[in-house]
Amino acid sequence: MAESKGNKTIDHEEIRRWVESHDGRPSRVRGTGNGNDPGILRIDFPGGVGEETLEHISWEEWFEKFDQNRLAFLYQEQKASGSPSTFFKLVHRD
């Protein structure tokens, strides 16, 4: 089934609002990064795949890495069926 068109943003408040409205939390992949580098960024949604490999971090840490790597947040509000979606992808800014 086709999915609806996604939204792309670098706005921290928009990202945070969308993630928290879906009960997500800023995370990193456990065992990546070191020191002040959180490593590979992810969002942890309840019951999500790979939940055991994620470690929650602060929004401050998450957004610092997000901006340093010039990332954008691509997300989907709802599936083609109309049900809520938790699809997102971190992509390079244009």
Protein backbone atom coordinates (compact mmCIF):
# COMPACT_ATOMS: atom_id res chain seq x y z
CA MET A 1 0.00 0.00 0.00
CA ALA A 2 1.32 3.47 -0.86
CA GLU A 3 2.29 5.82 1.94
CA SER A 4 1.32 9.49 2.12
CA LYS A 5 3.86 12.20 1.35
CA GLY A 6 6.30 13.09 4.11
CA ASN A 7 7.30 16.40 5.67
CA LYS A 8 10.90 17.58 5.94
CA THR A 9 12.09 19.97 8.65
CA ILE A 10 15.10 21.14 10.64
CA ASP A 11 12.92 22.98 13.19
CA HIS A 12 13.70 21.58 16.63
CA GLU A 13 10.28 22.35 18.11
CA GLU A 14 8.43 20.76 15.18
CA ILE A 15 10.55 17.61 15.48
CA ARG A 16 10.15 17.42 19.24
CA ARG A 17 6.37 17.95 19.02
CA TRP A 18 5.96 15.20 16.41
CA VAL A 19 8.16 12.70 18.27
CA GLU A 20 6.53 13.31 21.66
CA SER A 21 3.02 13.19 20.17
CA HIS A 22 3.89 9.62 19.11
CA ASP A 23 5.36 8.77 22.56
CA GLY A 24 8.89 8.71 21.12
CA ARG A 25 12.10 9.63 22.92
CA PRO A 26 15.45 10.89 21.60
CA SER A 27 17.96 8.05 21.57
CA ARG A 28 21.25 6.82 20.27
CA VAL A 29 22.43 3.38 19.24
CA ARG A 30 24.12 1.85 22.28
CA GLY A 31 27.87 1.46 21.88
CA THR A 32 28.27 4.18 19.24
CA GLY A 33 29.97 7.50 19.84
CA ASN A 34 32.32 8.42 22.67
CA GLY A 35 32.95 11.36 24.96
CA ASN A 36 30.71 14.22 23.86
CA ASP A 37 29.65 12.43 20.66
CA PRO A 38 26.37 10.56 21.22
CA GLY A 39 26.94 8.38 18.14
CA ILE A 40 24.15 7.25 15.82
CA LEU A 41 20.90 9.09 16.44
CA ARG A 42 17.53 7.35 16.58
CA ILE A 43 14.05 7.89 18.00
CA ASP A 44 12.75 5.20 20.35
CA PHE A 45 9.02 4.49 19.96
CA PRO A 46 7.26 2.09 22.35
CA GLY A 47 7.39 -1.42 20.92
CA GLY A 48 9.75 -0.34 18.14
CA VAL A 49 12.23 -2.61 16.42
CA GLY A 50 15.68 -2.66 18.03
CA GLU A 51 14.43 -1.16 21.28
CA GLU A 52 17.04 -3.15 23.25
CA THR A 53 19.90 -1.54 21.28
CA LEU A 54 18.83 2.05 22.00
CA GLU A 55 19.82 4.30 24.86
CA HIS A 56 17.81 7.44 25.68
CA ILE A 57 19.64 10.78 25.55
CA SER A 58 18.55 14.36 26.17
CA TRP A 59 16.98 16.47 23.46
CA GLU A 60 19.92 18.85 23.88
CA GLU A 61 22.44 16.11 23.02
CA TRP A 62 20.25 14.82 20.18
CA PHE A 63 19.80 18.23 18.54
CA GLU A 64 23.47 19.15 18.95
CA LYS A 65 24.50 16.09 16.92
CA PHE A 66 21.58 16.65 14.50
CA ASP A 67 22.82 20.18 13.73
CA GLN A 68 26.54 19.29 13.67
CA ASN A 69 25.87 16.67 11.00
CA ARG A 70 23.57 19.02 9.05
CA LEU A 71 20.67 16.59 9.19
CA ALA A 72 17.01 17.12 8.37
CA PHE A 73 14.06 15.19 9.77
CA LEU A 74 11.76 13.58 7.22
CA TYR A 75 8.53 12.32 8.77
CA GLN A 76 5.07 11.10 7.88
CA GLU A 77 1.91 12.29 9.64
CA GLN A 78 -0.23 9.36 8.57
CA LYS A 79 -0.23 6.27 6.42
CA ALA A 80 -2.23 6.15 3.20
CA SER A 81 -4.89 4.30 5.19
CA GLY A 82 -5.29 7.39 7.39
CA SER A 83 -3.90 5.78 10.53
CA PRO A 84 -1.10 7.60 12.44
CA SER A 85 2.45 6.90 11.28
CA THR A 86 5.74 6.79 13.17
CA PHE A 87 7.81 6.70 9.98
CA PHE A 88 10.77 9.05 10.05
CA LYS A 89 14.19 9.25 8.47
CA LEU A 90 17.23 11.40 9.15
CA VAL A 91 18.54 12.79 5.86
CA HIS A 92 21.17 15.33 4.85
CA ARG A 93 20.01 18.91 4.51
CA ASP A 94 19.86 20.21 0.95
